[in-house]
Amino acid sequence: MFWVLFLLSAWAVAGLACLRLCLAAVRAAAVGPRAAAPEHTLTLYEAAFLSGGPRRVADLTLVSMARQRRLLLAHTGWATVVDPCGRDDMERSVIGAIGPGGQSRIAPVRAAAAAADAVRGLADRLVGAGLAVPDGGTGGVTAGVRRVRVAAVAVCALGLAALALPLPATEPRPLIALWFALPLALTLGCLAITRMEIHPQARWASPAGQRLVGALVRQVDGTADDRTFLTSVAVRGVHAIGEPDLRAAFAHREKYAADHWERRA
């Protein structure tokens, strides 16, 4: 019966992880529904932040300036300034991140622009309006999901360890495996429910913000203008870009960023 200790440990690990995830989800759902003005019309920058955070805002700014031929995004992953006069704080942040030479790789430009004061100010305004969650508002959910995943692996490890023990003939191994399948099913079911119920935008947008983003998408559906293109980038990211040259530029950005992290490691 020594395997029962492993089973109790598996239930403790799985139950605690799932409970903490549920509590984090409840706290996240309670963040940000306050006083969001129903008549508020989102700008593209606001939609980008609510959909993908600071880096999405930087991506939108780069694509918008490239569409207006005020910035060249080469397929090799370099950004070149054509018009050094930014029309708003976001564009000035991008131009400043590129530097006085007027040319830089897209990856560091994106990172610097995402951390600029203009984006932080945008985030503060959205949080104050009840459209975005504060820093860490859904971090508990993300951490909770990681804990449940770890718990699922731990349950499997404990189950294998229990099955590896010498067992009497009266305790069949399939039955023991079935007992361990129960806490495993709990963790996997919790992860499945979280995946269905937690909207990807919930990392940045409050429920009110998510509704406004959805309304913005519905407003532009069916049209084929420049705003529709930029709205698609703001809500869905650079992978929504249909232009081959722009896709190549941002694909090279992602490769550069991966290589950069490999060198640091």
Protein backbone atom coordinates (compact mmCIF):
# COMPACT_ATOMS: atom_id res chain seq x y z
CA MET A 1 0.00 0.00 0.00
CA PHE A 2 3.01 2.28 -0.15
CA TRP A 3 1.77 3.47 -3.55
CA VAL A 4 -1.17 5.17 -1.82
CA LEU A 5 1.24 7.81 -0.51
CA PHE A 6 2.17 8.60 -4.10
CA LEU A 7 -1.52 8.81 -5.00
CA LEU A 8 -2.25 11.18 -2.13
CA SER A 9 0.70 13.33 -3.21
CA ALA A 10 -0.64 13.38 -6.77
CA TRP A 11 -4.08 14.50 -5.60
CA ALA A 12 -2.54 17.19 -3.39
CA VAL A 13 -0.39 18.57 -6.21
CA ALA A 14 -3.22 18.49 -8.76
CA GLY A 15 -5.89 19.85 -6.43
CA LEU A 16 -3.76 22.72 -5.15
CA ALA A 17 -2.65 23.77 -8.64
CA CYS A 18 -6.20 23.69 -10.03
CA LEU A 19 -7.56 25.59 -7.02
CA ARG A 20 -4.97 28.33 -7.40
CA LEU A 21 -5.75 28.62 -11.11
CA CYS A 22 -9.47 28.94 -10.40
CA LEU A 23 -8.87 31.63 -7.78
CA ALA A 24 -6.57 33.53 -10.17
CA ALA A 25 -9.22 33.35 -12.92
CA VAL A 26 -11.87 34.71 -10.55
CA ARG A 27 -9.61 37.60 -9.53
CA ALA A 28 -8.77 38.36 -13.17
CA ALA A 29 -12.46 38.40 -14.12
CA ALA A 30 -13.08 40.97 -11.40
CA VAL A 31 -10.37 43.32 -12.68
CA GLY A 32 -11.20 46.20 -14.92
CA PRO A 33 -14.98 46.11 -15.48
CA ARG A 34 -15.41 49.43 -13.72
CA ALA A 35 -16.66 52.56 -15.42
CA ALA A 36 -15.70 51.75 -18.99
CA ALA A 37 -17.44 54.35 -21.12
CA PRO A 38 -19.77 52.54 -23.53
CA GLU A 39 -19.40 55.34 -26.09
CA HIS A 40 -15.62 55.08 -26.14
CA THR A 41 -14.28 54.51 -29.66
CA LEU A 42 -10.99 52.69 -29.76
CA THR A 43 -8.09 54.04 -31.73
CA LEU A 44 -5.95 51.55 -33.59
CA TYR A 45 -3.17 51.99 -31.03
CA GLU A 46 -5.61 51.20 -28.24
CA ALA A 47 -6.94 48.16 -30.09
CA ALA A 48 -3.38 46.96 -30.66
CA PHE A 49 -2.51 47.27 -26.98
CA LEU A 50 -5.67 45.53 -25.82
CA SER A 51 -5.11 42.70 -28.31
CA GLY A 52 -1.39 42.14 -27.97
CA GLY A 53 0.20 44.54 -25.51
CA PRO A 54 3.12 46.96 -26.03
CA ARG A 55 4.84 44.95 -28.73
CA ARG A 56 1.68 44.86 -30.82
CA VAL A 57 1.55 48.66 -30.63
CA ALA A 58 5.14 48.84 -31.89
CA ASP A 59 4.32 46.43 -34.73
CA LEU A 60 1.27 48.44 -35.74
CA THR A 61 3.29 51.66 -35.77
CA LEU A 62 5.99 50.12 -37.96
CA VAL A 63 3.45 48.70 -40.41
CA SER A 64 1.44 51.93 -40.51
CA MET A 65 4.51 54.03 -41.29
CA ALA A 66 5.61 51.51 -43.92
CA ARG A 67 2.18 51.67 -45.59
CA GLN A 68 2.52 55.45 -45.80
CA ARG A 69 6.01 55.15 -47.32
CA ARG A 70 7.51 57.06 -44.42
CA LEU A 71 9.47 54.04 -43.28
CA LEU A 72 11.03 51.26 -45.33
CA LEU A 73 10.92 47.75 -43.91
CA ALA A 74 13.29 45.60 -45.92
CA HIS A 75 12.84 41.87 -46.31
CA THR A 76 16.30 41.52 -44.75
CA GLY A 77 14.92 42.73 -41.41
CA TRP A 78 16.12 46.36 -41.49
CA ALA A 79 14.06 49.54 -40.97
CA THR A 80 15.04 52.75 -42.74
CA VAL A 81 13.55 56.18 -41.98
CA VAL A 82 12.20 58.07 -44.99
CA ASP A 83 10.30 60.82 -43.18
CA PRO A 84 12.01 61.77 -39.89
CA CYS A 85 8.99 63.75 -38.66
CA GLY A 86 6.73 61.56 -36.57
CA ARG A 87 3.05 62.45 -36.60
CA ASP A 88 2.37 61.26 -33.07
CA ASP A 89 4.18 60.06 -29.98
CA MET A 90 4.22 56.45 -31.16
CA GLU A 91 5.86 57.30 -34.46
CA ARG A 92 8.37 59.56 -32.76
CA SER A 93 9.23 56.68 -30.42
CA VAL A 94 9.91 54.41 -33.40
CA ILE A 95 12.03 57.04 -35.14
CA GLY A 96 13.94 57.65 -31.93
CA ALA A 97 14.50 53.91 -31.50
CA ILE A 98 15.95 53.67 -35.00
CA GLY A 99 18.49 56.30 -34.06
CA PRO A 100 20.20 59.25 -35.75
CA GLY A 101 21.64 57.03 -38.47
CA GLY A 102 18.14 56.48 -39.82
CA GLN A 103 18.57 52.73 -40.10
CA SER A 104 18.39 49.82 -37.69
CA ARG A 105 17.28 46.22 -37.40
CA ILE A 106 13.57 45.81 -36.77
CA ALA A 107 13.96 43.61 -33.66
CA PRO A 108 15.69 46.20 -31.39
CA VAL A 109 13.48 48.97 -32.76
CA ARG A 110 10.40 47.00 -31.84
CA ALA A 111 11.68 46.29 -28.34
CA ALA A 112 12.66 49.91 -27.68
CA ALA A 113 9.41 51.33 -29.05
CA ALA A 114 7.35 48.89 -26.96
CA ALA A 115 9.09 50.14 -23.80
CA ALA A 116 8.74 53.84 -24.67
CA ASP A 117 6.90 56.39 -22.53
CA ALA A 118 4.22 56.75 -25.22
CA VAL A 119 3.17 53.12 -24.84
CA ARG A 120 3.27 53.29 -21.05
CA GLY A 121 1.07 56.37 -21.16
CA LEU A 122 -1.36 54.57 -23.46
CA ALA A 123 -1.48 51.64 -21.06
CA ASP A 124 -2.15 53.91 -18.09
CA ARG A 125 -5.02 55.62 -19.89
CA LEU A 126 -6.61 52.31 -20.84
CA VAL A 127 -6.27 51.00 -17.29
CA GLY A 128 -7.79 54.21 -15.94
CA ALA A 129 -10.72 53.84 -18.36
CA GLY A 130 -11.34 50.27 -17.20
CA LEU A 131 -10.48 48.83 -20.62
CA ALA A 132 -7.12 47.24 -19.77
CA VAL A 133 -6.03 45.20 -16.81
CA PRO A 134 -3.23 46.53 -14.59
CA ASP A 135 0.21 44.96 -14.70
CA GLY A 136 -0.09 41.46 -13.36
CA GLY A 137 -3.88 41.51 -13.61
CA THR A 138 -3.84 38.23 -15.52
CA GLY A 139 -0.31 37.25 -14.64
CA GLY A 140 -1.83 35.09 -11.93
CA VAL A 141 -3.80 33.17 -14.56
CA THR A 142 -0.71 32.65 -16.70
CA ALA A 143 1.27 31.47 -13.69
CA GLY A 144 -1.66 29.29 -12.64
CA VAL A 145 -1.74 27.58 -16.04
CA ARG A 146 1.98 26.89 -15.76
CA ARG A 147 1.47 25.39 -12.30
CA VAL A 148 -1.30 23.12 -13.55
CA ARG A 149 0.91 21.94 -16.40
CA VAL A 150 3.68 21.18 -13.94
CA ALA A 151 1.16 19.38 -11.75
CA ALA A 152 0.07 17.22 -14.69
CA VAL A 153 3.68 16.19 -15.28
CA ALA A 154 4.15 15.57 -11.56
CA VAL A 155 1.07 13.32 -11.45
CA CYS A 156 2.45 11.28 -14.34
CA ALA A 157 5.83 11.01 -12.62
CA LEU A 158 4.25 9.94 -9.34
CA GLY A 159 2.11 7.39 -11.14
CA LEU A 160 5.11 5.89 -12.92
CA ALA A 161 7.00 5.79 -9.64
CA ALA A 162 4.11 3.99 -7.95
CA LEU A 163 3.87 1.46 -10.77
CA ALA A 164 7.61 0.84 -10.53
CA LEU A 165 7.28 -0.30 -6.92
CA PRO A 166 7.11 -4.02 -6.13
CA LEU A 167 3.40 -4.74 -5.71
CA PRO A 168 1.56 -7.77 -4.33
CA ALA A 169 -0.53 -9.82 -6.71
CA THR A 170 -3.72 -8.57 -5.04
CA GLU A 171 -3.05 -5.03 -6.28
CA PRO A 172 -3.19 -5.07 -10.10
CA ARG A 173 -1.17 -2.37 -11.82
CA PRO A 174 -3.97 -1.34 -14.27
CA LEU A 175 -6.19 -0.47 -11.31
CA ILE A 176 -3.42 1.62 -9.74
CA ALA A 177 -2.87 3.38 -13.06
CA LEU A 178 -6.60 4.14 -13.17
CA TRP A 179 -6.43 5.78 -9.74
CA PHE A 180 -3.64 8.06 -10.96
CA ALA A 181 -5.61 8.82 -14.10
CA LEU A 182 -8.19 10.65 -11.99
CA PRO A 183 -5.95 13.52 -10.77
CA LEU A 184 -4.40 13.64 -14.25
CA ALA A 185 -7.88 14.06 -15.74
CA LEU A 186 -8.51 16.86 -13.25
CA THR A 187 -5.45 18.82 -14.39
CA LEU A 188 -6.05 18.22 -18.10
CA GLY A 189 -9.71 19.14 -17.78
CA CYS A 190 -8.81 22.33 -15.95
CA LEU A 191 -6.39 23.26 -18.72
CA ALA A 192 -8.99 22.52 -21.39
CA ILE A 193 -11.61 24.69 -19.69
CA THR A 194 -9.11 27.51 -19.27
CA ARG A 195 -8.19 27.36 -22.94
CA MET A 196 -11.85 27.64 -23.94
CA GLU A 197 -12.93 30.25 -21.43
CA ILE A 198 -9.93 32.60 -21.18
CA HIS A 199 -9.83 34.82 -24.26
CA PRO A 200 -6.33 35.46 -25.65
CA GLN A 201 -6.93 39.20 -25.27
CA ALA A 202 -7.61 38.74 -21.55
CA ARG A 203 -3.91 39.12 -20.83
CA TRP A 204 -4.23 42.81 -21.65
CA ALA A 205 -7.91 43.73 -22.04
CA SER A 206 -10.62 43.77 -19.42
CA PRO A 207 -14.02 42.29 -20.40
CA ALA A 208 -15.14 45.80 -21.41
CA GLY A 209 -12.01 46.23 -23.51
CA GLN A 210 -12.57 42.88 -25.20
CA ARG A 211 -16.10 43.94 -26.14
CA LEU A 212 -14.84 47.16 -27.71
CA VAL A 213 -12.19 45.30 -29.68
CA GLY A 214 -14.86 42.94 -30.97
CA ALA A 215 -17.07 45.88 -31.92
CA LEU A 216 -14.17 47.50 -33.78
CA VAL A 217 -13.58 44.36 -35.80
CA ARG A 218 -17.26 44.12 -36.71
CA GLN A 219 -17.30 47.74 -37.86
CA VAL A 220 -14.55 47.19 -40.41
CA ASP A 221 -15.55 43.70 -41.59
CA GLY A 222 -16.54 43.64 -45.24
CA THR A 223 -14.47 46.67 -46.28
CA ALA A 224 -11.16 46.61 -48.12
CA ASP A 225 -9.44 49.85 -47.19
CA ASP A 226 -6.24 50.77 -45.43
CA ARG A 227 -7.93 51.00 -42.03
CA THR A 228 -9.19 47.44 -42.36
CA PHE A 229 -5.64 46.29 -43.07
CA LEU A 230 -4.25 48.11 -40.05
CA THR A 231 -7.12 46.95 -37.85
CA SER A 232 -6.29 43.37 -38.80
CA VAL A 233 -2.66 43.96 -37.81
CA ALA A 234 -3.73 45.61 -34.54
CA VAL A 235 -6.06 42.77 -33.54
CA ARG A 236 -4.37 39.73 -35.05
CA GLY A 237 -0.72 40.78 -35.26
CA VAL A 238 1.84 40.84 -38.04
CA HIS A 239 0.88 37.33 -39.09
CA ALA A 240 -2.27 38.90 -40.55
CA ILE A 241 -0.14 40.80 -43.06
CA GLY A 242 -0.83 39.63 -46.58
CA GLU A 243 1.95 41.55 -48.32
CA PRO A 244 4.95 39.27 -48.98
CA ASP A 245 7.62 41.94 -48.42
CA LEU A 246 6.23 42.99 -45.06
CA ARG A 247 5.78 39.39 -43.94
CA ALA A 248 9.38 38.68 -44.89
CA ALA A 249 10.60 41.71 -42.94
CA PHE A 250 8.83 40.64 -39.76
CA ALA A 251 9.73 36.99 -40.22
CA HIS A 252 13.38 38.05 -40.35
CA ARG A 253 12.75 40.05 -37.16
CA GLU A 254 11.56 36.94 -35.37
CA LYS A 255 14.59 34.95 -36.55
CA TYR A 256 16.93 37.70 -35.40
CA ALA A 257 15.29 37.79 -31.98
CA ALA A 258 15.60 34.01 -31.63
CA ASP A 259 19.28 34.12 -32.59
CA HIS A 260 19.85 36.95 -30.13
CA TRP A 261 18.41 34.93 -27.24
CA GLU A 262 20.43 31.88 -28.26
CA ARG A 263 23.65 33.90 -28.13
CA ARG A 264 22.73 35.25 -24.69
CA ALA A 265 22.02 31.75 -23.43
